Amino acid sequence: MDRIAEYRTLIKKIFSQQAEFWNENSTRKSETELLLDERHDNYMIYNVGWSSDKRVHDVFAYVRLRDNKFWIEDDWTEEGIASKLLQEGIPNQDIVLAFNPPDVRQFTDFAVA
């Protein structure tokens, strides 16, 4: 299996586990959903539904696979998607914390682009 196929499988596994956990342990009347778009390599965990009379639609995490790297565009998970990727053996040079401005990324332990 090539690297990008492995990365697709891994992010789907991590996101599926996270969504399942939130759905099983949530007291909210909203649902945690997944967007797993292999064609464009966009992966998202989001919350959708209602809280009282207000619409709920929040992104918990958004990751793109780009240039054979994980580009973490948004991450509001407690443990952090980067931490989970590192635990799975992904090298830090294959992870971009894209939610940081480009000029700040050089001060992280991850790829700048």
N, C-alpha and C. Protein backbone atom coordinates (compact mmCIF):
# COMPACT_ATOMS: atom_id res chain seq x y z
N MET A 1 0.86 -1.19 0.00
CA MET A 1 0.00 0.00 0.00
C MET A 1 0.90 1.24 0.00
N ASP A 2 0.58 2.17 -0.87
CA ASP A 2 1.40 3.39 -0.92
C ASP A 2 1.09 4.30 0.27
N ARG A 3 1.95 5.26 0.47
CA ARG A 3 1.85 6.12 1.66
C ARG A 3 0.53 6.88 1.73
N ILE A 4 0.08 7.46 0.62
CA ILE A 4 -1.16 8.25 0.67
C ILE A 4 -2.35 7.35 0.99
N ALA A 5 -2.36 6.13 0.49
CA ALA A 5 -3.43 5.19 0.82
C ALA A 5 -3.39 4.84 2.31
N GLU A 6 -2.21 4.65 2.85
CA GLU A 6 -2.06 4.39 4.29
C GLU A 6 -2.55 5.59 5.10
N TYR A 7 -2.21 6.80 4.65
CA TYR A 7 -2.62 8.00 5.36
C TYR A 7 -4.14 8.17 5.32
N ARG A 8 -4.75 7.85 4.19
CA ARG A 8 -6.21 7.90 4.10
C ARG A 8 -6.85 6.93 5.10
N THR A 9 -6.35 5.73 5.12
CA THR A 9 -6.88 4.71 6.04
C THR A 9 -6.73 5.15 7.48
N LEU A 10 -5.58 5.71 7.81
CA LEU A 10 -5.30 6.13 9.18
C LEU A 10 -6.20 7.28 9.63
N ILE A 11 -6.36 8.32 8.81
CA ILE A 11 -7.18 9.46 9.24
C ILE A 11 -8.64 9.04 9.36
N LYS A 12 -9.10 8.15 8.49
CA LYS A 12 -10.47 7.66 8.61
C LYS A 12 -10.65 6.87 9.91
N LYS A 13 -9.66 6.08 10.28
CA LYS A 13 -9.72 5.32 11.53
C LYS A 13 -9.76 6.26 12.74
N ILE A 14 -8.86 7.23 12.78
CA ILE A 14 -8.80 8.17 13.91
C ILE A 14 -10.09 8.96 14.01
N PHE A 15 -10.58 9.50 12.90
CA PHE A 15 -11.81 10.29 12.93
C PHE A 15 -13.02 9.44 13.29
N SER A 16 -13.09 8.23 12.79
CA SER A 16 -14.22 7.34 13.11
C SER A 16 -14.25 7.01 14.59
N GLN A 17 -13.10 6.72 15.16
CA GLN A 17 -13.03 6.43 16.60
C GLN A 17 -13.45 7.64 17.42
N GLN A 18 -12.99 8.82 17.02
CA GLN A 18 -13.32 10.04 17.75
C GLN A 18 -14.82 10.33 17.68
N ALA A 19 -15.41 10.23 16.50
CA ALA A 19 -16.84 10.49 16.34
C ALA A 19 -17.67 9.48 17.12
N GLU A 20 -17.27 8.23 17.09
CA GLU A 20 -17.99 7.19 17.85
C GLU A 20 -17.94 7.49 19.34
N PHE A 21 -16.78 7.87 19.83
CA PHE A 21 -16.64 8.21 21.25
C PHE A 21 -17.57 9.35 21.63
N TRP A 22 -17.54 10.44 20.83
CA TRP A 22 -18.38 11.60 21.15
C TRP A 22 -19.87 11.25 21.08
N ASN A 23 -20.26 10.47 20.09
CA ASN A 23 -21.68 10.12 19.98
C ASN A 23 -22.14 9.24 21.14
N GLU A 24 -21.28 8.35 21.61
CA GLU A 24 -21.64 7.47 22.72
C GLU A 24 -21.65 8.19 24.06
N ASN A 25 -20.86 9.23 24.19
CA ASN A 25 -20.69 9.90 25.48
C ASN A 25 -21.31 11.30 25.55
N SER A 26 -22.05 11.65 24.55
CA SER A 26 -22.60 13.00 24.48
C SER A 26 -23.96 13.08 25.20
N THR A 27 -24.17 14.21 25.85
CA THR A 27 -25.48 14.49 26.44
C THR A 27 -26.22 15.52 25.60
N ARG A 28 -25.61 15.92 24.49
CA ARG A 28 -26.22 16.91 23.60
C ARG A 28 -27.30 16.25 22.75
N LYS A 29 -28.15 17.09 22.18
CA LYS A 29 -29.16 16.61 21.26
C LYS A 29 -28.72 16.79 19.81
N SER A 30 -27.44 16.95 19.64
CA SER A 30 -26.87 17.06 18.30
C SER A 30 -26.05 15.80 18.02
N GLU A 31 -25.60 15.68 16.79
CA GLU A 31 -24.86 14.50 16.40
C GLU A 31 -23.47 14.87 15.89
N THR A 32 -22.53 14.01 16.14
CA THR A 32 -21.19 14.16 15.58
C THR A 32 -21.16 13.38 14.28
N GLU A 33 -20.79 14.05 13.21
CA GLU A 33 -20.80 13.46 11.88
C GLU A 33 -19.40 13.50 11.28
N LEU A 34 -19.22 12.69 10.25
CA LEU A 34 -17.94 12.62 9.55
C LEU A 34 -18.10 13.00 8.09
N LEU A 35 -17.12 13.67 7.57
CA LEU A 35 -16.98 13.89 6.13
C LEU A 35 -15.66 13.24 5.76
N LEU A 36 -15.73 12.17 4.98
CA LEU A 36 -14.54 11.42 4.59
C LEU A 36 -14.47 11.42 3.06
N ASP A 37 -13.87 12.43 2.50
CA ASP A 37 -13.84 12.64 1.06
C ASP A 37 -12.48 12.22 0.50
N GLU A 38 -12.38 10.96 0.10
CA GLU A 38 -11.11 10.45 -0.43
C GLU A 38 -10.77 11.05 -1.79
N ARG A 39 -11.77 11.39 -2.56
CA ARG A 39 -11.51 11.93 -3.90
C ARG A 39 -10.72 13.24 -3.83
N HIS A 40 -11.08 14.09 -2.87
CA HIS A 40 -10.40 15.38 -2.71
C HIS A 40 -9.50 15.41 -1.48
N ASP A 41 -9.45 14.31 -0.75
CA ASP A 41 -8.63 14.17 0.46
C ASP A 41 -8.93 15.24 1.50
N ASN A 42 -10.23 15.39 1.80
CA ASN A 42 -10.70 16.26 2.88
C ASN A 42 -11.41 15.39 3.92
N TYR A 43 -11.06 15.58 5.18
CA TYR A 43 -11.61 14.76 6.27
C TYR A 43 -12.02 15.69 7.40
N MET A 44 -13.27 15.54 7.84
CA MET A 44 -13.80 16.47 8.84
C MET A 44 -14.68 15.74 9.85
N ILE A 45 -14.58 16.19 11.10
CA ILE A 45 -15.52 15.79 12.15
C ILE A 45 -16.28 17.05 12.52
N TYR A 46 -17.59 16.96 12.50
CA TYR A 46 -18.39 18.14 12.82
C TYR A 46 -19.61 17.75 13.63
N ASN A 47 -20.15 18.72 14.31
CA ASN A 47 -21.32 18.56 15.15
C ASN A 47 -22.47 19.31 14.49
N VAL A 48 -23.63 18.66 14.39
CA VAL A 48 -24.77 19.29 13.75
C VAL A 48 -26.05 18.91 14.50
N GLY A 49 -26.97 19.84 14.58
CA GLY A 49 -28.24 19.57 15.25
C GLY A 49 -28.79 20.84 15.86
N TRP A 50 -29.47 20.65 16.97
CA TRP A 50 -30.11 21.78 17.66
C TRP A 50 -29.82 21.73 19.14
N SER A 51 -29.69 22.89 19.73
CA SER A 51 -29.56 23.05 21.17
C SER A 51 -30.62 24.06 21.57
N SER A 52 -31.66 23.59 22.22
CA SER A 52 -32.84 24.40 22.49
C SER A 52 -33.38 24.89 21.15
N ASP A 53 -33.42 26.19 20.95
CA ASP A 53 -33.94 26.71 19.68
C ASP A 53 -32.84 27.26 18.78
N LYS A 54 -31.59 26.88 19.06
CA LYS A 54 -30.47 27.39 18.27
C LYS A 54 -29.83 26.26 17.45
N ARG A 55 -29.49 26.58 16.24
CA ARG A 55 -28.83 25.64 15.34
C ARG A 55 -27.39 25.46 15.77
N VAL A 56 -26.95 24.22 15.79
CA VAL A 56 -25.57 23.88 16.15
C VAL A 56 -24.90 23.31 14.90
N HIS A 57 -23.76 23.85 14.55
CA HIS A 57 -22.95 23.32 13.44
C HIS A 57 -21.51 23.78 13.67
N ASP A 58 -20.75 22.91 14.27
CA ASP A 58 -19.37 23.23 14.65
C ASP A 58 -18.41 22.22 14.06
N VAL A 59 -17.28 22.69 13.59
CA VAL A 59 -16.22 21.81 13.11
C VAL A 59 -15.31 21.49 14.30
N PHE A 60 -15.12 20.20 14.56
CA PHE A 60 -14.22 19.78 15.62
C PHE A 60 -12.80 19.57 15.08
N ALA A 61 -12.71 19.03 13.88
CA ALA A 61 -11.40 18.79 13.29
C ALA A 61 -11.54 18.72 11.78
N TYR A 62 -10.55 19.27 11.08
CA TYR A 62 -10.53 19.25 9.62
C TYR A 62 -9.09 19.01 9.19
N VAL A 63 -8.89 17.94 8.43
CA VAL A 63 -7.56 17.56 7.96
C VAL A 63 -7.62 17.33 6.46
N ARG A 64 -6.62 17.86 5.76
CA ARG A 64 -6.47 17.59 4.33
C ARG A 64 -5.18 16.81 4.11
N LEU A 65 -5.22 15.91 3.16
CA LEU A 65 -3.99 15.26 2.72
C LEU A 65 -3.53 16.03 1.49
N ARG A 66 -2.35 16.61 1.61
CA ARG A 66 -1.82 17.48 0.54
C ARG A 66 -0.31 17.29 0.49
N ASP A 67 0.22 17.08 -0.68
CA ASP A 67 1.67 16.89 -0.86
C ASP A 67 2.21 15.77 0.03
N ASN A 68 1.43 14.70 0.15
CA ASN A 68 1.81 13.52 0.96
C ASN A 68 2.00 13.84 2.44
N LYS A 69 1.26 14.85 2.94
CA LYS A 69 1.32 15.23 4.34
C LYS A 69 -0.08 15.45 4.88
N PHE A 70 -0.19 15.35 6.19
CA PHE A 70 -1.42 15.70 6.88
C PHE A 70 -1.40 17.20 7.15
N TRP A 71 -2.35 17.92 6.59
CA TRP A 71 -2.48 19.35 6.84
C TRP A 71 -3.64 19.51 7.82
N ILE A 72 -3.33 19.79 9.07
CA ILE A 72 -4.36 19.95 10.10
C ILE A 72 -4.83 21.41 10.04
N GLU A 73 -6.00 21.59 9.44
CA GLU A 73 -6.56 22.92 9.22
C GLU A 73 -7.31 23.45 10.44
N ASP A 74 -7.92 22.55 11.18
CA ASP A 74 -8.70 22.92 12.36
C ASP A 74 -8.67 21.75 13.33
N ASP A 75 -8.49 22.01 14.60
CA ASP A 75 -8.44 20.93 15.58
C ASP A 75 -8.89 21.43 16.94
N TRP A 76 -10.08 21.03 17.34
CA TRP A 76 -10.63 21.39 18.64
C TRP A 76 -10.81 20.15 19.51
N THR A 77 -10.06 19.08 19.19
CA THR A 77 -10.13 17.87 19.99
C THR A 77 -9.27 18.04 21.23
N GLU A 78 -9.60 17.28 22.24
CA GLU A 78 -8.89 17.43 23.52
C GLU A 78 -7.43 16.96 23.41
N GLU A 79 -7.21 15.81 22.85
CA GLU A 79 -5.87 15.24 22.76
C GLU A 79 -5.06 15.83 21.60
N GLY A 80 -5.75 16.18 20.53
CA GLY A 80 -5.08 16.73 19.37
C GLY A 80 -4.83 15.67 18.30
N ILE A 81 -5.20 16.00 17.08
CA ILE A 81 -5.03 15.07 15.97
C ILE A 81 -3.54 14.80 15.74
N ALA A 82 -2.70 15.82 15.85
CA ALA A 82 -1.26 15.61 15.66
C ALA A 82 -0.72 14.59 16.65
N SER A 83 -1.16 14.66 17.90
CA SER A 83 -0.72 13.68 18.91
C SER A 83 -1.12 12.27 18.52
N LYS A 84 -2.34 12.13 18.04
CA LYS A 84 -2.81 10.80 17.63
C LYS A 84 -2.01 10.28 16.43
N LEU A 85 -1.69 11.17 15.49
CA LEU A 85 -0.89 10.76 14.34
C LEU A 85 0.51 10.32 14.77
N LEU A 86 1.11 11.07 15.68
CA LEU A 86 2.43 10.70 16.19
C LEU A 86 2.39 9.36 16.90
N GLN A 87 1.34 9.12 17.68
CA GLN A 87 1.18 7.83 18.37
C GLN A 87 1.08 6.67 17.38
N GLU A 88 0.57 6.95 16.21
CA GLU A 88 0.43 5.93 15.16
C GLU A 88 1.70 5.77 14.33
N GLY A 89 2.74 6.53 14.68
CA GLY A 89 4.02 6.38 14.00
C GLY A 89 4.26 7.31 12.82
N ILE A 90 3.39 8.31 12.65
CA ILE A 90 3.58 9.27 11.56
C ILE A 90 4.71 10.22 11.96
N PRO A 91 5.71 10.41 11.10
CA PRO A 91 6.79 11.33 11.44
C PRO A 91 6.30 12.77 11.45
N ASN A 92 6.85 13.57 12.36
CA ASN A 92 6.40 14.96 12.49
C ASN A 92 6.63 15.78 11.23
N GLN A 93 7.57 15.39 10.38
CA GLN A 93 7.77 16.13 9.13
C GLN A 93 6.67 15.85 8.11
N ASP A 94 5.76 14.93 8.41
CA ASP A 94 4.61 14.66 7.54
C ASP A 94 3.32 15.26 8.11
N ILE A 95 3.46 16.15 9.09
CA ILE A 95 2.30 16.81 9.71
C ILE A 95 2.52 18.32 9.65
N VAL A 96 1.55 19.03 9.09
CA VAL A 96 1.60 20.49 9.03
C VAL A 96 0.48 21.03 9.91
N LEU A 97 0.83 21.86 10.87
CA LEU A 97 -0.19 22.51 11.70
C LEU A 97 -0.66 23.74 10.94
N ALA A 98 -1.52 23.51 9.96
CA ALA A 98 -1.93 24.56 9.02
C ALA A 98 -2.78 25.64 9.67
N PHE A 99 -3.29 25.38 10.88
CA PHE A 99 -4.05 26.42 11.58
C PHE A 99 -3.13 27.51 12.12
N ASN A 100 -1.84 27.26 12.13
CA ASN A 100 -0.86 28.28 12.51
C ASN A 100 -0.47 29.09 11.27
N PRO A 101 -0.22 30.38 11.43
CA PRO A 101 0.25 31.17 10.29
C PRO A 101 1.57 30.60 9.75
N PRO A 102 1.80 30.71 8.45
CA PRO A 102 3.03 30.15 7.87
C PRO A 102 4.31 30.62 8.54
N ASP A 103 4.38 31.87 8.98
CA ASP A 103 5.60 32.37 9.60
C ASP A 103 5.82 31.86 11.02
N VAL A 104 4.81 31.23 11.60
CA VAL A 104 4.92 30.69 12.96
C VAL A 104 5.28 29.21 12.94
N ARG A 105 4.96 28.53 11.87
CA ARG A 105 5.16 27.07 11.79
C ARG A 105 6.61 26.66 12.00
N GLN A 106 7.55 27.51 11.65
CA GLN A 106 8.97 27.18 11.82
C GLN A 106 9.34 26.97 13.29
N PHE A 107 8.53 27.48 14.19
CA PHE A 107 8.82 27.36 15.63
C PHE A 107 8.15 26.15 16.26
N THR A 108 7.46 25.33 15.45
CA THR A 108 6.86 24.11 15.95
C THR A 108 7.78 22.94 15.64
N ASP A 109 7.44 21.79 16.15
CA ASP A 109 8.22 20.57 15.87
C ASP A 109 7.70 19.85 14.63
N PHE A 110 6.87 20.55 13.82
CA PHE A 110 6.23 19.91 12.67
C PHE A 110 6.67 20.60 11.38
N ALA A 111 6.22 20.04 10.25
CA ALA A 111 6.56 20.58 8.94
C ALA A 111 6.01 22.00 8.78
N VAL A 112 6.69 22.81 7.99
CA VAL A 112 6.20 24.17 7.73
C VAL A 112 5.27 24.18 6.53
N ALA A 113 5.43 23.23 5.62
CA ALA A 113 4.55 23.09 4.45
C ALA A 113 4.80 21.76 3.78
